[in-house]
């Protein structure tokens, strides 16, 4: 009787240091400002990053054509956006399938809930196979800060400098976008805010790419944004946009251009900062560590041994939270973003625990 082999989904993800200079890292999923700043930050680290454009309806159609049925819209948009770009490389720019598989890879995060852990990566690989790009590499960050790659000689070095560069780009994108949402509803000349934001993006990208002072660039952005004529003598309701991370962050057809629609209806939008998600991840790690410290420590002798590792982790998490908040507020001060408050995760957990237990995630 023939033995039945266990099915497994092939997961190509080899990326060595020797191939770093010749491999393009595709990524995307945040705002256009964030993606541009992250691209500049990764370029300064010696990578060849390329941010994908904002997903549109054609990306949605690609996702539905090559993806499984019954997926959520963020899956269809993000997966379809990658497939659409690879098809463009093949059919328009004339690259062969082998060139695309060898010279490109896609990097994404895997820490946004159960769906990303189980479904997103599998959906990417399934759609890539059906679209004719079998073997294309998708590298996924785990929530513990590791990369799902078996080889030790990884081309994507997850060093402290790597994460600092990403966090710096994310915080810069947050403060610039927040300034834009505060100014645009009150602008006198339509489009003047967007023009100023484009100049700010150019200044900050150059500072990141050339490793110059971002604080000086932020002060230049402040002067440029201060030159946008506004009329504050008009009441505007402030609308906070919350919800699924990608749907509330994207600025295109994935959420029906919600931010621009609300502004056209006379509202001032307040979009959640990416650094708020980082602060939530820090809170989540601290909460789980505190809960584990209460578990019984089973020892053969019946004695309990005092563990310093959890206390050390709690101290580092607390320090990281303080540094994140101070860096964000420093950037906000340099660009002129006053009165902006990051959420207090402990307070939100206390308020919401009776309605949705803190142990429930995703």
Protein backbone atom coordinates (compact mmCIF):
# COMPACT_ATOMS: atom_id res chain seq x y z
CA UNK A 1 0.00 0.00 0.00
CA UNK A 2 1.42 3.35 -1.04
CA UNK A 3 2.15 5.72 1.83
CA UNK A 4 0.27 9.00 1.84
CA UNK A 5 2.60 11.99 1.99
CA UNK A 6 1.65 14.99 4.07
CA UNK A 7 0.78 17.96 1.87
CA UNK A 8 2.72 21.14 2.44
CA UNK A 9 2.67 24.50 0.76
CA UNK A 10 6.06 25.30 -0.83
CA UNK A 11 7.38 28.50 0.67
CA UNK A 12 10.39 29.88 -1.24
CA UNK A 13 12.10 32.57 0.82
CA UNK A 14 15.84 32.31 0.26
CA UNK A 15 17.46 35.74 0.24
CA UNK A 16 21.18 35.89 0.94
CA UNK A 17 23.44 38.83 1.71
CA UNK A 18 25.27 38.30 -1.58
CA UNK A 19 22.02 39.00 -3.47
CA UNK A 20 21.08 42.10 -1.48
CA UNK A 21 22.42 44.59 -4.03
CA UNK A 22 20.72 42.89 -6.98
CA UNK A 23 17.31 42.19 -5.48
CA UNK A 24 14.44 44.66 -5.41
CA UNK A 25 12.35 44.63 -2.23
CA UNK A 26 8.71 45.34 -3.02
CA UNK A 27 6.49 46.53 -0.18
CA UNK A 28 3.40 48.61 0.43
CA UNK A 29 0.18 48.92 2.36
CA UNK A 30 0.57 52.20 4.23
CA UNK A 31 -0.09 55.75 3.06
CA UNK A 32 1.83 57.19 0.12
CA UNK A 33 3.80 59.38 2.54
CA UNK A 34 4.79 56.45 4.74
CA UNK A 35 5.77 54.27 1.79
CA UNK A 36 7.95 56.98 0.27
CA UNK A 37 9.74 57.63 3.57
CA UNK A 38 10.28 53.93 4.25
CA UNK A 39 11.69 53.54 0.75
CA UNK A 40 14.17 56.35 1.43
CA UNK A 41 15.13 54.88 4.82
CA UNK A 42 15.78 51.43 3.36
CA UNK A 43 17.79 52.94 0.52
CA UNK A 44 20.09 54.54 3.09
CA UNK A 45 20.67 51.06 4.57
CA UNK A 46 21.90 49.69 1.26
CA UNK A 47 18.75 47.95 0.02
CA UNK A 48 16.89 48.34 -3.27
CA UNK A 49 13.35 49.04 -2.05
CA UNK A 50 10.39 49.89 -4.25
CA UNK A 51 7.04 50.93 -2.82
CA UNK A 52 4.02 49.62 -4.69
CA UNK A 53 1.44 52.20 -5.80
CA UNK A 54 -1.80 52.62 -3.89
CA UNK A 55 -4.14 49.72 -4.77
CA UNK A 56 -7.02 50.55 -7.10
CA UNK A 57 -9.97 48.66 -8.56
CA UNK A 58 -7.81 46.91 -11.13
CA UNK A 59 -5.75 45.53 -8.23
CA UNK A 60 -9.00 44.35 -6.64
CA UNK A 61 -9.93 42.53 -9.85
CA UNK A 62 -6.51 40.85 -9.98
CA UNK A 63 -6.94 39.73 -6.40
CA UNK A 64 -10.38 38.27 -7.09
CA UNK A 65 -9.20 36.59 -10.29
CA UNK A 66 -6.23 34.78 -8.78
CA UNK A 67 -7.20 34.58 -5.10
CA UNK A 68 -9.54 32.29 -3.22
CA UNK A 69 -13.20 33.06 -2.80
CA UNK A 70 -14.57 34.61 0.34
CA UNK A 71 -11.51 36.64 1.29
CA UNK A 72 -11.70 40.08 2.85
CA UNK A 73 -11.26 43.18 0.71
CA UNK A 74 -7.85 44.09 2.21
CA UNK A 75 -6.60 40.68 1.07
CA UNK A 76 -7.93 41.13 -2.46
CA UNK A 77 -6.53 44.65 -2.76
CA UNK A 78 -3.05 43.95 -1.36
CA UNK A 79 -2.55 40.58 -3.04
CA UNK A 80 -3.97 41.89 -6.30
CA UNK A 81 -1.73 44.94 -6.15
CA UNK A 82 1.37 42.75 -6.06
CA UNK A 83 0.09 40.53 -8.89
CA UNK A 84 -0.80 43.58 -10.96
CA UNK A 85 2.72 44.99 -10.57
CA UNK A 86 4.39 41.70 -11.51
CA UNK A 87 2.18 41.39 -14.59
CA UNK A 88 3.23 44.92 -15.54
CA UNK A 89 6.89 43.93 -15.22
CA UNK A 90 6.30 40.91 -17.44
CA UNK A 91 3.93 42.26 -20.09
CA UNK A 92 4.94 45.93 -20.31
CA UNK A 93 8.58 46.10 -19.25
CA UNK A 94 9.40 42.79 -20.91
CA UNK A 95 10.98 40.95 -17.99
CA UNK A 96 10.82 37.18 -18.06
CA UNK A 97 9.24 35.16 -15.27
CA UNK A 98 12.67 33.90 -14.24
CA UNK A 99 14.03 37.45 -13.98
CA UNK A 100 11.10 38.54 -11.84
CA UNK A 101 11.40 35.56 -9.50
CA UNK A 102 15.17 35.96 -9.16
CA UNK A 103 15.43 39.75 -8.90
CA UNK A 104 12.31 40.69 -6.92
CA UNK A 105 10.71 39.73 -3.62
CA UNK A 106 7.89 41.05 -1.47
CA UNK A 107 8.16 41.98 2.22
CA UNK A 108 5.09 42.27 4.44
CA UNK A 109 4.18 42.26 8.13
CA UNK A 110 2.55 39.29 9.83
CA UNK A 111 1.44 40.76 13.14
CA UNK A 112 -1.99 42.27 12.54
CA UNK A 113 -4.20 39.50 13.86
CA UNK A 114 -4.96 35.85 13.13
CA UNK A 115 -5.85 36.45 9.48
CA UNK A 116 -2.35 37.60 8.56
CA UNK A 117 -0.71 34.68 10.35
CA UNK A 118 -2.73 32.02 8.60
CA UNK A 119 -4.27 33.41 5.45
CA UNK A 120 -2.35 36.32 3.98
CA UNK A 121 0.89 34.51 3.19
CA UNK A 122 -0.88 31.43 1.86
CA UNK A 123 -3.09 33.68 -0.23
CA UNK A 124 -0.06 35.47 -1.67
CA UNK A 125 1.57 32.18 -2.67
CA UNK A 126 -1.64 30.75 -4.13
CA UNK A 127 -2.28 33.85 -6.22
CA UNK A 128 1.35 34.02 -7.35
CA UNK A 129 1.23 30.40 -8.54
CA UNK A 130 -2.02 30.87 -10.42
CA UNK A 131 -0.75 34.09 -12.02
CA UNK A 132 2.34 32.30 -13.35
CA UNK A 133 4.92 33.47 -10.80
CA UNK A 134 5.52 30.27 -8.87
CA UNK A 135 8.66 30.54 -6.79
CA UNK A 136 8.28 34.26 -6.10
CA UNK A 137 9.51 35.01 -2.58
CA UNK A 138 7.29 36.54 0.11
CA UNK A 139 9.12 37.38 3.34
CA UNK A 140 6.96 37.88 6.42
CA UNK A 141 7.84 39.60 9.68
CA UNK A 142 6.68 37.71 12.74
CA UNK A 143 5.25 39.60 15.68
CA UNK A 144 8.38 38.85 17.72
CA UNK A 145 10.58 40.82 15.37
CA UNK A 146 11.88 37.78 13.48
CA UNK A 147 11.80 36.99 9.81
CA UNK A 148 10.28 33.76 8.54
CA UNK A 149 13.40 32.59 6.74
CA UNK A 150 15.20 29.37 7.42
CA UNK A 151 18.73 30.35 6.41
CA UNK A 152 21.02 32.19 8.79
CA UNK A 153 22.62 34.12 5.92
CA UNK A 154 19.60 36.34 5.44
CA UNK A 155 19.82 39.30 3.13
CA UNK A 156 17.35 41.25 5.24
CA UNK A 157 19.32 42.06 8.36
CA UNK A 158 16.95 42.66 11.26
CA UNK A 159 19.39 44.80 13.21
CA UNK A 160 18.49 47.58 15.67
CA UNK A 161 19.46 50.08 12.99
CA UNK A 162 16.98 48.48 10.59
CA UNK A 163 14.06 48.82 13.00
CA UNK A 164 15.08 52.31 14.10
CA UNK A 165 15.07 53.42 10.46
CA UNK A 166 11.58 51.97 9.93
CA UNK A 167 10.21 53.54 13.12
CA UNK A 168 11.72 56.90 12.25
CA UNK A 169 10.12 56.81 8.79
CA UNK A 170 6.77 55.76 10.29
CA UNK A 171 6.77 58.58 12.84
CA UNK A 172 7.76 61.15 10.23
CA UNK A 173 4.93 59.98 8.01
CA UNK A 174 2.50 60.21 10.92
CA UNK A 175 3.32 63.81 11.83
CA UNK A 176 3.34 65.02 8.20
CA UNK A 177 0.01 63.34 7.45
CA UNK A 178 -1.51 64.73 10.65
CA UNK A 179 -0.47 68.24 9.61
CA UNK A 180 -2.02 67.70 6.20
CA UNK A 181 -5.34 66.58 7.67
CA UNK A 182 -5.38 69.63 9.95
CA UNK A 183 -4.65 72.16 7.21
CA UNK A 184 -6.41 70.83 4.11
CA UNK A 185 -10.04 71.39 5.21
CA UNK A 186 -9.31 75.08 5.83
CA UNK A 187 -7.13 75.88 2.81
CA UNK A 188 -8.09 78.94 0.77
CA UNK A 189 -6.52 77.75 -2.48
CA UNK A 190 -7.56 74.24 -3.41
CA UNK A 191 -4.56 71.95 -3.77
CA UNK A 192 -2.11 74.20 -1.94
CA UNK A 193 -1.86 71.79 1.01
CA UNK A 194 -1.12 68.84 -1.25
CA UNK A 195 1.58 70.85 -3.03
CA UNK A 196 3.19 71.70 0.31
CA UNK A 197 3.01 68.07 1.43
CA UNK A 198 4.74 66.98 -1.78
CA UNK A 199 7.60 69.36 -1.01
CA UNK A 200 7.75 68.06 2.56
CA UNK A 201 7.97 64.50 1.30
CA UNK A 202 10.85 65.46 -0.99
CA UNK A 203 12.71 67.17 1.86
CA UNK A 204 12.27 64.31 4.31
CA UNK A 205 13.10 61.60 1.78
CA UNK A 206 16.32 63.40 0.91
CA UNK A 207 17.21 63.71 4.60
CA UNK A 208 16.62 60.01 5.22
CA UNK A 209 18.35 58.87 2.05
CA UNK A 210 21.43 61.02 2.66
CA UNK A 211 21.43 60.47 6.45
CA UNK A 212 21.04 64.16 7.22
CA UNK A 213 19.20 65.75 10.14
CA UNK A 214 15.47 65.01 9.94
CA UNK A 215 14.76 67.66 12.57
CA UNK A 216 16.16 70.34 10.28
CA UNK A 217 14.04 68.95 7.44
CA UNK A 218 10.97 69.02 9.70
CA UNK A 219 11.58 72.68 10.51
CA UNK A 220 11.78 73.39 6.78
CA UNK A 221 8.49 71.55 6.36
CA UNK A 222 6.99 73.65 9.13
CA UNK A 223 7.88 76.87 7.33
CA UNK A 224 6.47 75.51 4.06
CA UNK A 225 3.20 74.39 5.65
CA UNK A 226 2.88 77.69 7.51
CA UNK A 227 2.86 79.40 4.12
CA UNK A 228 -0.37 77.67 3.06
CA UNK A 229 -3.19 80.27 3.27
CA UNK A 230 -6.04 79.03 5.46
CA UNK A 231 -9.36 80.33 6.75
CA UNK A 232 -9.99 79.01 10.26
CA UNK A 233 -13.22 81.01 10.63
CA UNK A 234 -15.38 78.14 9.44
CA UNK A 235 -16.71 75.40 11.72
CA UNK A 236 -15.70 71.87 10.77
CA UNK A 237 -16.76 68.68 12.57
CA UNK A 238 -13.78 66.50 13.45
CA UNK A 239 -14.23 62.88 12.34
CA UNK A 240 -11.98 60.16 13.73
CA UNK A 241 -11.39 57.25 11.34
CA UNK A 242 -10.90 53.91 13.09
CA UNK A 243 -11.28 50.27 12.13
CA UNK A 244 -9.33 47.57 10.32
CA UNK A 245 -5.73 48.71 10.01
CA UNK A 246 -5.32 48.64 6.23
CA UNK A 247 -8.83 49.91 5.46
CA UNK A 248 -8.43 52.98 7.66
CA UNK A 249 -4.87 53.67 6.46
CA UNK A 250 -5.12 53.35 2.68
CA UNK A 251 -5.91 56.49 0.71
CA UNK A 252 -7.32 55.01 -2.47
CA UNK A 253 -10.25 52.97 -3.70
CA UNK A 254 -9.75 50.35 -0.99
CA UNK A 255 -11.86 52.51 1.35
CA UNK A 256 -13.63 54.55 -1.35
CA UNK A 257 -11.19 57.42 -0.73
CA UNK A 258 -12.90 57.94 2.61
CA UNK A 259 -10.65 60.74 3.84
CA UNK A 260 -11.16 62.89 0.74
CA UNK A 261 -14.89 62.18 0.74
CA UNK A 262 -15.27 63.35 4.33
CA UNK A 263 -13.22 66.47 3.64
CA UNK A 264 -15.36 67.22 0.60
CA UNK A 265 -18.42 66.95 2.85
CA UNK A 266 -16.97 69.58 5.18
CA UNK A 267 -15.22 67.48 7.83
CA UNK A 268 -11.76 67.52 9.36
CA UNK A 269 -10.38 63.98 9.50
CA UNK A 270 -8.26 62.49 12.23
CA UNK A 271 -6.57 59.29 11.08
CA UNK A 272 -4.91 56.93 13.54
CA UNK A 273 -1.12 57.09 13.54
CA UNK A 274 0.96 54.07 12.60
CA UNK A 275 2.96 54.56 15.78
CA UNK A 276 -0.26 53.89 17.73
CA UNK A 277 -0.18 50.34 16.39
CA UNK A 278 3.46 50.06 17.50
CA UNK A 279 2.50 51.26 20.98
CA UNK A 280 -0.29 48.68 21.05
CA UNK A 281 2.21 45.94 20.17
CA UNK A 282 4.42 47.11 23.04
CA UNK A 283 1.44 47.12 25.42
CA UNK A 284 0.44 43.65 24.22
CA UNK A 285 3.90 42.24 24.96
CA UNK A 286 3.95 43.88 28.40
CA UNK A 287 0.46 42.60 29.27
CA UNK A 288 1.31 39.03 28.28
CA UNK A 289 4.56 39.18 30.24
CA UNK A 290 2.73 40.33 33.38
CA UNK A 291 0.23 37.49 33.01
CA UNK A 292 3.00 34.92 32.62
CA UNK A 293 4.71 36.19 35.76
CA UNK A 294 1.64 35.07 37.73
CA UNK A 295 1.88 31.47 36.52
CA UNK A 296 3.17 28.82 38.90
CA UNK A 297 6.86 28.13 38.37
CA UNK A 298 7.18 24.38 38.68
CA UNK A 299 10.52 23.29 40.13
CA UNK A 300 11.63 19.73 40.99
CA UNK A 301 12.51 20.81 44.54
CA UNK A 302 9.20 22.50 45.13
CA UNK A 303 10.89 25.87 45.56
CA UNK A 304 10.11 28.86 43.42
CA UNK A 305 13.02 30.49 41.73
CA UNK A 306 12.98 34.23 41.23
CA UNK A 307 13.22 35.01 37.54
CA UNK A 308 14.88 38.22 36.41
CA UNK A 309 14.12 37.75 32.69
CA UNK A 310 10.46 38.93 32.89
CA UNK A 311 11.44 41.99 34.91
CA UNK A 312 14.17 42.81 32.42
CA UNK A 313 11.69 42.47 29.56
CA UNK A 314 9.16 44.68 31.32
CA UNK A 315 11.83 47.31 31.90
CA UNK A 316 12.89 47.27 28.25
CA UNK A 317 9.28 47.49 27.05
CA UNK A 318 8.60 50.42 29.35
CA UNK A 319 11.75 52.14 28.14
CA UNK A 320 10.77 51.50 24.51
CA UNK A 321 7.33 52.99 25.09
CA UNK A 322 8.81 56.12 26.66
CA UNK A 323 11.35 56.56 23.85
CA UNK A 324 8.69 56.08 21.16
CA UNK A 325 6.37 58.67 22.65
CA UNK A 326 9.13 61.21 23.24
CA UNK A 327 10.52 60.83 19.72
CA UNK A 328 7.05 61.24 18.24
CA UNK A 329 6.31 64.38 20.24
CA UNK A 330 9.73 65.79 19.37
CA UNK A 331 9.04 65.34 15.66
CA UNK A 332 5.56 66.82 16.16
CA UNK A 333 7.04 69.88 17.87
CA UNK A 334 9.55 70.47 15.08
CA UNK A 335 6.89 70.40 12.36
CA UNK A 336 4.41 72.47 14.37
CA UNK A 337 1.92 69.73 15.25
CA UNK A 338 0.58 70.97 18.58
CA UNK A 339 -2.10 69.43 20.75
CA UNK A 340 -1.77 65.94 19.27
CA UNK A 341 -2.04 63.13 21.83
CA UNK A 342 -1.10 59.51 21.33
CA UNK A 343 -3.54 57.06 22.95
CA UNK A 344 -2.87 55.72 26.44
CA UNK A 345 -3.06 51.96 25.90
CA UNK A 346 -3.37 51.14 29.61
CA UNK A 347 -6.34 53.50 29.92
CA UNK A 348 -8.00 52.08 26.80
CA UNK A 349 -7.48 48.55 28.13
CA UNK A 350 -9.06 49.50 31.46
CA UNK A 351 -12.07 51.13 29.82
CA UNK A 352 -12.67 48.43 27.23
CA UNK A 353 -12.00 45.30 29.30
CA UNK A 354 -15.61 44.95 30.48
CA UNK A 355 -16.84 45.00 26.88
CA UNK A 356 -14.03 43.10 25.12
CA UNK A 357 -11.58 41.10 27.22
CA UNK A 358 -7.96 42.14 26.89
CA UNK A 359 -6.98 38.51 26.30
CA UNK A 360 -8.94 38.43 23.03
CA UNK A 361 -6.80 39.46 20.08
CA UNK A 362 -7.23 39.96 16.36
